[in-house]
């Protein structure tokens, strides 16, 4: 084992404790907070991908619609500026999860997902959004013997179900794509995933919204939602917004519709970013086609190259705090940083001596079915999309379209989906929630070690419950 793998603290010693993506000179200046009252046709709550896509698509559908967006901090500050930058076509957290839950709709969901990813790519071109978009695909890699057969079987099931673009790679083939002594096999999704700079995507969407006339107020949290006759009102610290309709894109943060809160368990995910690799270091790994990579364990890592050849390395720990709060002090977890650094050098011992420039974390809006759910409140005047469970970079655009469809009252291909018409099971209240999550974490760790899902996990599967990031 490389020396750096045995002493990860040295590699972390100069890491800046903030998201690499937000530590960018192109970050736009903050917009003023709302002071006083505003009136609009559509109010969007939340300035992450979900809210930004909703505002943008609303104006593209109807340029005359008066749209206001409020954001509690700054645009792209939360999950949209902290994620790994994997923009996937999947709307269901992978086709296997989609097949397990909505087998009759899988072909439609896959088609809609790829159309959605194509739509993202077209929007970037149409609005001149530069976010280092690279449609390189993603490889799921096996790092334990039992995972090799699982990936082989998954490739066969994908073919049988008509899911295209997935190629099984044996040990030599996967190591020809990216070289690690831990890689035993891979399943390459060739066209269904793109890599991008997540914060620049958010900032580009913000600029496009402003250009179309959306009024955006930052440092303006929505604190209370009420309705009266034909009007909605959202209270903010220094004013109110009155609107005919509202779309909620608050995700991991407590929903303004209180009955939705039990459906979300905020969990914390953490990531490291290396300094740029030298040409020699990059050559030692290969990775010429720059695919996103993730391993196949329950406690999985995700990793990719940036435009300047840094390696983002994240995942593994899924940290839930009792009560499910979202707090700034949870954004850092030194024990996880050390564990991630150890795992990084175990995966790539040829990169001994590489140092990490940034270390950070953030909250994910996990729900029990791993993929988003949708609906309306306040007599159909409020729409929501929640529970993207770590796969929202691409799927939030689809969620925005669903919210706008629901607010319009129109029956569309999207609104007729069982996925859209159904909800996940809510998480139980505390302390049962924490106990259940703890048991599930323990069972997942055992399953990673021996390749078998125990009685607890099989029971969770039968109930349609899960816990993931």
Protein backbone atom coordinates (compact mmCIF):
# COMPACT_ATOMS: atom_id res chain seq x y z
CA UNK A 1 0.00 0.00 0.00
CA UNK A 2 1.25 3.48 -0.84
CA UNK A 3 2.66 5.60 1.98
CA UNK A 4 0.08 8.32 1.33
CA UNK A 5 -2.69 5.74 1.79
CA UNK A 6 -1.38 4.97 5.28
CA UNK A 7 -1.10 8.66 6.16
CA UNK A 8 -4.10 10.39 4.55
CA UNK A 9 -3.82 13.32 6.96
CA UNK A 10 -0.74 14.54 5.10
CA UNK A 11 -2.61 14.61 1.78
CA UNK A 12 -5.47 16.50 3.44
CA UNK A 13 -3.38 18.98 5.40
CA UNK A 14 -3.81 21.89 2.96
CA UNK A 15 -7.37 21.13 1.84
CA UNK A 16 -9.66 24.16 1.82
CA UNK A 17 -12.88 23.41 3.74
CA UNK A 18 -15.34 24.60 1.13
CA UNK A 19 -16.85 23.22 -2.10
CA UNK A 20 -14.36 23.31 -4.96
CA UNK A 21 -17.07 24.28 -7.44
CA UNK A 22 -18.12 27.36 -5.44
CA UNK A 23 -14.51 28.45 -5.00
CA UNK A 24 -14.58 29.85 -8.52
CA UNK A 25 -13.79 33.39 -9.71
CA UNK A 26 -16.71 33.27 -12.14
CA UNK A 27 -19.23 33.10 -9.28
CA UNK A 28 -21.69 35.95 -9.83
CA UNK A 29 -22.34 38.65 -7.28
CA UNK A 30 -25.27 38.09 -4.93
CA UNK A 31 -28.60 39.65 -5.87
CA UNK A 32 -30.49 41.84 -3.37
CA UNK A 33 -32.98 40.37 -0.92
CA UNK A 34 -36.68 41.06 -1.26
CA UNK A 35 -37.86 44.04 0.78
CA UNK A 36 -41.58 44.78 0.74
CA UNK A 37 -44.31 42.99 -1.22
CA UNK A 38 -44.13 41.39 -4.66
CA UNK A 39 -46.87 40.11 -6.96
CA UNK A 40 -46.47 37.56 -9.76
CA UNK A 41 -48.15 34.78 -11.71
CA UNK A 42 -45.69 32.09 -10.58
CA UNK A 43 -43.52 32.07 -7.48
CA UNK A 44 -40.63 29.60 -7.44
CA UNK A 45 -39.17 28.81 -4.01
CA UNK A 46 -35.57 27.65 -4.14
CA UNK A 47 -32.62 28.74 -6.25
CA UNK A 48 -31.08 25.35 -6.95
CA UNK A 49 -31.53 23.29 -10.10
CA UNK A 50 -35.15 22.43 -9.33
CA UNK A 51 -36.22 26.03 -8.94
CA UNK A 52 -34.03 27.42 -11.71
CA UNK A 53 -35.24 24.87 -14.28
CA UNK A 54 -38.85 25.59 -13.27
CA UNK A 55 -38.44 29.32 -13.72
CA UNK A 56 -36.60 28.95 -17.02
CA UNK A 57 -39.04 26.43 -18.52
CA UNK A 58 -42.00 28.50 -17.34
CA UNK A 59 -40.71 31.51 -19.28
CA UNK A 60 -39.86 29.41 -22.32
CA UNK A 61 -43.37 27.94 -22.33
CA UNK A 62 -44.99 31.36 -21.86
CA UNK A 63 -42.72 34.41 -22.21
CA UNK A 64 -45.51 36.62 -20.85
CA UNK A 65 -45.75 34.77 -17.54
CA UNK A 66 -44.58 36.90 -14.63
CA UNK A 67 -42.16 34.77 -12.60
CA UNK A 68 -40.41 35.49 -9.29
CA UNK A 69 -37.80 33.19 -7.69
CA UNK A 70 -36.66 33.46 -4.07
CA UNK A 71 -33.57 31.76 -2.64
CA UNK A 72 -32.68 31.53 1.04
CA UNK A 73 -28.92 31.90 0.48
CA UNK A 74 -27.33 32.31 -2.97
CA UNK A 75 -28.17 30.60 -6.23
CA UNK A 76 -26.54 27.17 -6.42
CA UNK A 77 -25.28 27.40 -2.84
CA UNK A 78 -26.66 24.08 -1.57
CA UNK A 79 -26.72 20.69 -3.33
CA UNK A 80 -26.59 22.29 -6.79
CA UNK A 81 -23.13 23.70 -6.07
CA UNK A 82 -21.77 20.77 -4.03
CA UNK A 83 -22.53 17.63 -6.04
CA UNK A 84 -20.20 15.53 -8.15
CA UNK A 85 -21.39 16.89 -11.50
CA UNK A 86 -22.81 13.58 -12.79
CA UNK A 87 -25.74 14.57 -15.03
CA UNK A 88 -27.63 11.33 -15.70
CA UNK A 89 -30.47 10.55 -18.08
CA UNK A 90 -32.02 8.22 -15.50
CA UNK A 91 -35.13 9.55 -13.79
CA UNK A 92 -35.37 6.53 -11.47
CA UNK A 93 -31.93 6.34 -9.80
CA UNK A 94 -30.83 3.73 -12.32
CA UNK A 95 -32.87 1.48 -14.58
CA UNK A 96 -32.73 -1.42 -12.10
CA UNK A 97 -34.56 0.65 -9.46
CA UNK A 98 -37.01 1.80 -12.13
CA UNK A 99 -37.70 -1.77 -13.22
CA UNK A 100 -38.23 -2.91 -9.64
CA UNK A 101 -40.82 -0.19 -9.01
CA UNK A 102 -42.43 0.60 -12.38
CA UNK A 103 -41.66 -2.30 -14.76
CA UNK A 104 -44.55 -1.50 -17.12
CA UNK A 105 -43.27 2.06 -17.54
CA UNK A 106 -39.55 1.38 -17.77
CA UNK A 107 -39.22 1.86 -21.54
CA UNK A 108 -41.16 5.13 -21.36
CA UNK A 109 -39.15 6.34 -18.35
CA UNK A 110 -35.87 5.53 -20.10
CA UNK A 111 -37.01 7.35 -23.25
CA UNK A 112 -38.18 10.38 -21.29
CA UNK A 113 -34.91 10.42 -19.37
CA UNK A 114 -32.80 10.46 -22.51
CA UNK A 115 -35.02 13.16 -24.03
CA UNK A 116 -34.52 15.14 -20.84
CA UNK A 117 -30.72 14.83 -21.04
CA UNK A 118 -30.86 15.87 -24.71
CA UNK A 119 -32.98 18.83 -23.62
CA UNK A 120 -30.37 19.86 -21.07
CA UNK A 121 -27.65 19.74 -23.71
CA UNK A 122 -29.80 21.79 -26.12
CA UNK A 123 -30.53 24.38 -23.42
CA UNK A 124 -26.84 24.83 -22.70
CA UNK A 125 -26.24 25.55 -26.38
CA UNK A 126 -29.29 27.80 -26.77
CA UNK A 127 -28.41 29.99 -23.79
CA UNK A 128 -24.63 29.84 -24.13
CA UNK A 129 -24.10 28.16 -20.75
CA UNK A 130 -20.48 27.04 -20.35
CA UNK A 131 -20.36 24.39 -17.62
CA UNK A 132 -17.72 21.98 -19.01
CA UNK A 133 -20.42 19.62 -20.29
CA UNK A 134 -18.91 16.32 -21.51
CA UNK A 135 -21.25 13.45 -22.47
CA UNK A 136 -18.71 10.76 -21.63
CA UNK A 137 -20.94 8.18 -19.96
CA UNK A 138 -20.32 6.41 -16.67
CA UNK A 139 -18.80 3.07 -15.68
CA UNK A 140 -20.02 1.15 -12.63
CA UNK A 141 -17.00 -0.86 -11.49
CA UNK A 142 -16.84 -4.10 -9.51
CA UNK A 143 -14.33 -4.05 -6.66
CA UNK A 144 -15.40 -7.31 -5.01
CA UNK A 145 -15.75 -10.75 -6.65
CA UNK A 146 -19.50 -11.03 -6.08
CA UNK A 147 -20.03 -7.70 -7.87
CA UNK A 148 -18.55 -9.06 -11.12
CA UNK A 149 -21.43 -11.49 -11.59
CA UNK A 150 -23.92 -8.84 -10.52
CA UNK A 151 -22.68 -6.49 -13.27
CA UNK A 152 -22.69 -9.29 -15.84
CA UNK A 153 -26.27 -10.16 -14.94
CA UNK A 154 -27.23 -6.48 -14.99
CA UNK A 155 -25.89 -6.14 -18.53
CA UNK A 156 -27.97 -9.14 -19.59
CA UNK A 157 -31.13 -7.78 -17.95
CA UNK A 158 -30.62 -4.40 -19.59
CA UNK A 159 -30.43 -6.05 -23.00
CA UNK A 160 -33.51 -8.18 -22.30
CA UNK A 161 -35.49 -5.13 -21.19
CA UNK A 162 -34.47 -3.10 -24.24
CA UNK A 163 -32.28 -0.68 -22.25
CA UNK A 164 -29.60 0.29 -24.75
CA UNK A 165 -26.08 1.64 -24.48
CA UNK A 166 -24.80 -0.61 -21.65
CA UNK A 167 -21.62 -2.64 -22.22
CA UNK A 168 -20.08 -5.18 -19.82
CA UNK A 169 -16.31 -4.83 -19.42
CA UNK A 170 -14.12 -7.61 -18.05
CA UNK A 171 -11.11 -6.92 -15.85
CA UNK A 172 -8.74 -6.10 -18.71
CA UNK A 173 -11.31 -4.00 -20.56
CA UNK A 174 -12.25 -1.87 -17.56
CA UNK A 175 -8.62 -1.33 -16.61
CA UNK A 176 -7.95 -0.21 -20.18
CA UNK A 177 -10.47 2.60 -19.55
CA UNK A 178 -9.21 3.58 -16.07
CA UNK A 179 -6.45 1.64 -14.37
CA UNK A 180 -6.89 0.59 -10.76
CA UNK A 181 -5.76 -2.68 -9.18
CA UNK A 182 -9.12 -2.75 -7.39
CA UNK A 183 -11.19 -2.87 -10.62
CA UNK A 184 -12.42 -6.38 -11.47
CA UNK A 185 -15.10 -5.57 -14.08
CA UNK A 186 -17.35 -2.74 -15.22
CA UNK A 187 -20.68 -1.85 -16.76
CA UNK A 188 -20.36 1.13 -19.08
CA UNK A 189 -23.39 3.33 -19.68
CA UNK A 190 -22.02 4.94 -22.82
CA UNK A 191 -24.44 7.79 -23.58
CA UNK A 192 -26.70 8.21 -20.55
CA UNK A 193 -24.46 10.36 -18.34
CA UNK A 194 -22.60 13.63 -18.83
CA UNK A 195 -19.97 15.27 -16.64
CA UNK A 196 -20.25 18.98 -15.91
CA UNK A 197 -19.27 21.80 -13.54
CA UNK A 198 -22.34 21.86 -11.26
CA UNK A 199 -22.04 25.40 -9.92
CA UNK A 200 -21.51 26.89 -13.38
CA UNK A 201 -24.64 25.08 -14.53
CA UNK A 202 -26.61 26.76 -11.73
CA UNK A 203 -25.08 30.16 -12.46
CA UNK A 204 -25.74 29.74 -16.18
CA UNK A 205 -29.39 28.90 -15.53
CA UNK A 206 -29.61 31.95 -13.25
CA UNK A 207 -28.25 34.20 -15.99
CA UNK A 208 -30.67 32.70 -18.54
CA UNK A 209 -33.60 33.24 -16.17
CA UNK A 210 -32.65 36.86 -15.58
CA UNK A 211 -32.31 37.35 -19.33
CA UNK A 212 -35.88 36.13 -19.84
CA UNK A 213 -37.24 38.49 -17.21
CA UNK A 214 -37.42 36.31 -14.09
CA UNK A 215 -37.03 38.43 -10.95
CA UNK A 216 -34.65 36.67 -8.55
CA UNK A 217 -34.21 37.60 -4.89
CA UNK A 218 -31.35 35.98 -2.97
CA UNK A 219 -30.95 35.84 0.82
CA UNK A 220 -34.75 35.59 0.87
CA UNK A 221 -36.03 32.43 2.58
CA UNK A 222 -39.69 31.58 2.37
CA UNK A 223 -40.85 31.15 5.97
CA UNK A 224 -44.60 30.55 5.66
CA UNK A 225 -47.05 29.62 2.90
CA UNK A 226 -50.75 30.45 3.08
CA UNK A 227 -53.62 30.64 0.62
CA UNK A 228 -56.75 32.73 0.41
CA UNK A 229 -59.32 32.54 -2.39
CA UNK A 230 -57.37 32.83 -5.65
CA UNK A 231 -54.09 34.00 -4.15
CA UNK A 232 -51.11 32.41 -2.41
CA UNK A 233 -48.85 34.30 -0.04
CA UNK A 234 -45.32 33.38 0.99
CA UNK A 235 -43.86 35.34 3.85
CA UNK A 236 -40.15 36.24 3.85
CA UNK A 237 -38.06 38.01 6.52
CA UNK A 238 -38.65 41.47 5.02
CA UNK A 239 -41.75 41.08 2.89
CA UNK A 240 -44.26 38.85 1.16
CA UNK A 241 -44.81 37.43 -2.30
CA UNK A 242 -48.38 37.09 -3.59
CA UNK A 243 -48.83 34.68 -6.49
CA UNK A 244 -51.45 32.74 -8.43
CA UNK A 245 -49.27 29.61 -8.40
CA UNK A 246 -46.14 28.41 -6.63
CA UNK A 247 -43.55 25.72 -7.34
CA UNK A 248 -41.48 24.41 -4.43
CA UNK A 249 -37.91 23.36 -5.10
CA UNK A 250 -36.65 23.18 -1.51
CA UNK A 251 -35.55 19.51 -1.63
CA UNK A 252 -33.52 18.64 1.52
CA UNK A 253 -34.77 21.70 3.41
CA UNK A 254 -38.08 21.61 5.33
CA UNK A 255 -40.97 21.97 2.91
CA UNK A 256 -43.42 24.86 3.23
CA UNK A 257 -46.07 22.11 2.94
CA UNK A 258 -45.61 20.49 6.34
CA UNK A 259 -47.25 17.17 5.49
CA UNK A 260 -44.41 16.45 3.06
CA UNK A 261 -41.66 16.62 5.66
CA UNK A 262 -41.85 12.94 6.78
CA UNK A 263 -41.10 11.83 3.22
CA UNK A 264 -37.57 13.30 3.24
CA UNK A 265 -34.58 12.24 5.34
CA UNK A 266 -31.72 14.70 4.78
CA UNK A 267 -28.43 12.78 4.64
CA UNK A 268 -24.94 14.17 4.30
CA UNK A 269 -22.51 13.20 1.57
CA UNK A 270 -18.84 14.27 1.44
CA UNK A 271 -16.23 14.74 -1.26
CA UNK A 272 -12.58 15.54 -1.83
CA UNK A 273 -10.92 17.26 -4.78
CA UNK A 274 -7.29 16.71 -5.70
CA UNK A 275 -4.86 19.21 -7.08
CA UNK A 276 -4.53 19.00 -10.90
CA UNK A 277 -2.79 15.82 -12.04
CA UNK A 278 0.40 16.14 -14.03
CA UNK A 279 0.54 14.56 -17.48
CA UNK A 280 2.56 11.68 -16.02
CA UNK A 281 0.09 11.11 -13.20
CA UNK A 282 -2.86 11.15 -15.58
CA UNK A 283 -1.09 8.75 -17.94
CA UNK A 284 -0.53 6.33 -15.05
CA UNK A 285 -4.30 6.10 -14.58
CA UNK A 286 -5.32 6.16 -18.24
CA UNK A 287 -8.88 7.51 -18.18
CA UNK A 288 -8.51 8.90 -21.70
CA UNK A 289 -12.28 8.90 -22.34
CA UNK A 290 -12.97 10.74 -19.08
CA UNK A 291 -16.02 8.72 -18.03
CA UNK A 292 -17.57 9.17 -14.65
CA UNK A 293 -16.86 6.20 -12.39
CA UNK A 294 -18.59 4.68 -9.38
CA UNK A 295 -18.13 1.40 -7.62
CA UNK A 296 -20.94 -1.10 -7.15
CA UNK A 297 -21.11 -1.35 -3.36
CA UNK A 298 -24.01 -0.17 -1.23
CA UNK A 299 -21.55 2.24 0.38
CA UNK A 300 -20.19 3.41 -2.94
CA UNK A 301 -17.63 5.93 -4.15
CA UNK A 302 -18.15 8.20 -7.16
CA UNK A 303 -15.23 9.82 -8.96
CA UNK A 304 -14.47 11.79 -12.10
CA UNK A 305 -12.05 14.15 -13.79
CA UNK A 306 -12.59 17.90 -13.95
CA UNK A 307 -11.78 20.07 -16.95
CA UNK A 308 -8.32 20.80 -15.50
CA UNK A 309 -7.68 17.12 -14.65
CA UNK A 310 -8.33 17.14 -10.94
CA UNK A 311 -9.99 14.04 -9.49
CA UNK A 312 -13.19 14.45 -7.53
CA UNK A 313 -13.56 11.56 -5.07
CA UNK A 314 -16.73 11.35 -3.00
CA UNK A 315 -19.35 9.15 -1.39
CA UNK A 316 -19.04 6.03 0.77
CA UNK A 317 -20.34 7.40 4.08
CA UNK A 318 -24.04 8.26 4.26
CA UNK A 319 -24.39 10.38 7.39
CA UNK A 320 -27.79 10.94 8.98
CA UNK A 321 -28.16 13.09 12.09
CA UNK A 322 -30.89 12.45 14.64
CA UNK A 323 -33.90 14.60 13.83
CA UNK A 324 -32.92 15.11 10.21
CA UNK A 325 -31.71 18.68 10.52
CA UNK A 326 -29.86 20.64 7.81
CA UNK A 327 -27.17 22.74 9.47
CA UNK A 328 -23.95 24.43 8.38
CA UNK A 329 -21.92 22.57 11.01
CA UNK A 330 -22.84 19.28 9.32
CA UNK A 331 -21.11 20.33 6.10
CA UNK A 332 -17.77 18.95 7.34
CA UNK A 333 -16.88 15.54 8.74
CA UNK A 334 -13.11 15.04 9.21
CA UNK A 335 -13.46 11.31 9.93
CA UNK A 336 -15.10 10.84 6.53
CA UNK A 337 -12.43 12.95 4.82
CA UNK A 338 -9.72 10.68 6.26
CA UNK A 339 -11.62 7.57 5.23
CA UNK A 340 -12.13 8.90 1.70
CA UNK A 341 -8.42 9.76 1.41
CA UNK A 342 -7.46 6.23 2.50
CA UNK A 343 -9.82 4.73 -0.08
CA UNK A 344 -8.55 7.04 -2.83
CA UNK A 345 -4.95 5.87 -2.50
CA UNK A 346 -6.07 2.26 -2.20
CA UNK A 347 -7.87 2.67 -5.52
CA UNK A 348 -5.06 4.60 -7.22
CA UNK A 349 -1.75 3.74 -5.51
CA UNK A 350 0.08 5.13 -8.54
CA UNK A 351 -1.06 8.60 -7.43
CA UNK A 352 0.94 8.51 -4.20
CA UNK A 353 1.96 12.04 -3.28
CA UNK A 354 -1.09 13.76 -4.78
CA UNK A 355 -2.65 16.24 -2.36
CA UNK A 356 -6.25 17.31 -1.87
CA UNK A 357 -7.11 20.95 -2.47
CA UNK A 358 -10.71 20.97 -1.19
CA UNK A 359 -12.93 18.97 1.17
CA UNK A 360 -16.66 19.55 1.70
CA UNK A 361 -20.09 18.06 2.24
CA UNK A 362 -23.74 18.81 1.81
CA UNK A 363 -27.27 17.53 2.32
CA UNK A 364 -29.13 15.19 -0.03
CA UNK A 365 -32.96 14.93 -0.13
CA UNK A 366 -33.28 11.17 0.30
CA UNK A 367 -36.67 9.48 0.01
CA UNK A 368 -37.50 5.82 0.53
CA UNK A 369 -37.83 4.94 -3.17
CA UNK A 370 -34.57 6.70 -4.20
CA UNK A 371 -36.22 8.81 -6.93
CA UNK A 372 -38.32 11.94 -7.02
CA UNK A 373 -41.99 12.19 -6.17
CA UNK A 374 -44.42 14.89 -7.20
CA UNK A 375 -47.75 16.40 -6.33
CA UNK A 376 -49.84 19.47 -5.57
CA UNK A 377 -51.23 21.25 -2.52
CA UNK A 378 -53.49 24.21 -1.74
CA UNK A 379 -56.14 23.19 -4.24
CA UNK A 380 -53.71 22.52 -7.06
CA UNK A 381 -52.09 25.97 -6.89
CA UNK A 382 -48.84 24.70 -5.35
CA UNK A 383 -46.68 22.01 -6.99
CA UNK A 384 -43.66 20.20 -5.58
CA UNK A 385 -40.92 17.82 -6.68
CA UNK A 386 -38.84 16.20 -3.93
CA UNK A 387 -36.65 13.21 -3.12
CA UNK A 388 -34.13 13.14 -5.98
CA UNK A 389 -31.77 11.20 -3.66
CA UNK A 390 -28.49 12.36 -5.13
CA UNK A 391 -29.47 12.04 -8.80
CA UNK A 392 -30.98 15.46 -9.30
CA UNK A 393 -28.48 17.13 -11.63
CA UNK A 394 -30.42 15.88 -14.63
CA UNK A 395 -33.74 14.72 -13.17
CA UNK A 396 -34.61 18.14 -11.70
CA UNK A 397 -35.31 19.43 -15.21
CA UNK A 398 -37.85 16.64 -15.68
CA UNK A 399 -39.27 17.48 -12.25
CA UNK A 400 -39.65 21.10 -13.29
CA UNK A 401 -41.65 20.05 -16.34
CA UNK A 402 -43.85 17.85 -14.14
CA UNK A 403 -44.53 20.71 -11.72
CA UNK A 404 -45.49 23.05 -14.57
CA UNK A 405 -47.74 20.37 -16.08
CA UNK A 406 -49.46 19.85 -12.72
CA UNK A 407 -50.00 23.58 -12.20
CA UNK A 408 -51.50 23.89 -15.68
CA UNK A 409 -53.98 21.11 -14.97
CA UNK A 410 -53.08 19.47 -18.27
CA UNK A 411 -52.91 15.70 -18.73
CA UNK A 412 -49.55 14.94 -20.30
CA UNK A 413 -47.38 11.91 -20.88
CA UNK A 414 -45.52 12.91 -17.74
CA UNK A 415 -48.52 13.38 -15.45
CA UNK A 416 -50.02 10.03 -16.49
CA UNK A 417 -46.98 8.11 -15.28
CA UNK A 418 -47.46 5.87 -12.25
CA UNK A 419 -44.12 7.24 -11.06
CA UNK A 420 -45.66 10.73 -11.00
CA UNK A 421 -49.05 9.67 -9.59
CA UNK A 422 -47.61 7.60 -6.71
CA UNK A 423 -45.65 8.49 -3.60
CA UNK A 424 -42.94 6.72 -1.61
CA UNK A 425 -43.60 5.51 1.90
CA UNK A 426 -42.77 8.15 4.51
CA UNK A 427 -39.95 7.63 6.96
CA UNK A 428 -41.11 6.86 10.52
CA UNK A 429 -40.77 9.50 13.25
CA UNK A 430 -37.84 9.65 15.64
CA UNK A 431 -36.44 7.69 17.39
CA UNK A 432 -37.64 4.84 15.12
CA UNK A 433 -36.22 6.63 12.06
CA UNK A 434 -32.68 6.79 13.46
CA UNK A 435 -32.79 3.21 14.72
CA UNK A 436 -34.06 1.94 11.36
CA UNK A 437 -31.45 3.89 9.41
CA UNK A 438 -28.74 2.59 11.73
CA UNK A 439 -29.80 -1.03 11.24
CA UNK A 440 -29.99 -0.50 7.48
CA UNK A 441 -26.49 1.00 7.39
CA UNK A 442 -25.14 -1.99 9.33
CA UNK A 443 -26.92 -4.43 7.01
CA UNK A 444 -25.62 -2.65 3.91
CA UNK A 445 -22.06 -2.84 5.23
CA UNK A 446 -22.45 -6.60 5.77
CA UNK A 447 -23.91 -7.01 2.28
CA UNK A 448 -20.91 -5.22 0.80
CA UNK A 449 -18.62 -7.63 2.61
CA UNK A 450 -20.32 -10.95 1.84
CA UNK A 451 -22.51 -10.17 -1.19
CA UNK A 452 -25.77 -11.28 0.48
CA UNK A 453 -28.78 -9.19 1.48
CA UNK A 454 -29.88 -10.29 4.93
CA UNK A 455 -33.41 -10.67 6.29
CA UNK A 456 -33.64 -6.96 7.16
CA UNK A 457 -32.70 -5.76 3.68
CA UNK A 458 -34.97 -8.31 1.99
CA UNK A 459 -37.85 -7.13 4.17
CA UNK A 460 -37.10 -3.52 3.23
CA UNK A 461 -37.08 -4.54 -0.43
CA UNK A 462 -40.52 -6.16 -0.11
CA UNK A 463 -41.94 -3.06 1.58
CA UNK A 464 -40.49 -0.75 -1.05
CA UNK A 465 -38.37 1.01 1.55
CA UNK A 466 -34.74 1.94 1.17
CA UNK A 467 -32.00 4.28 2.28
CA UNK A 468 -29.43 5.58 -0.16
CA UNK A 469 -27.66 8.69 -1.44
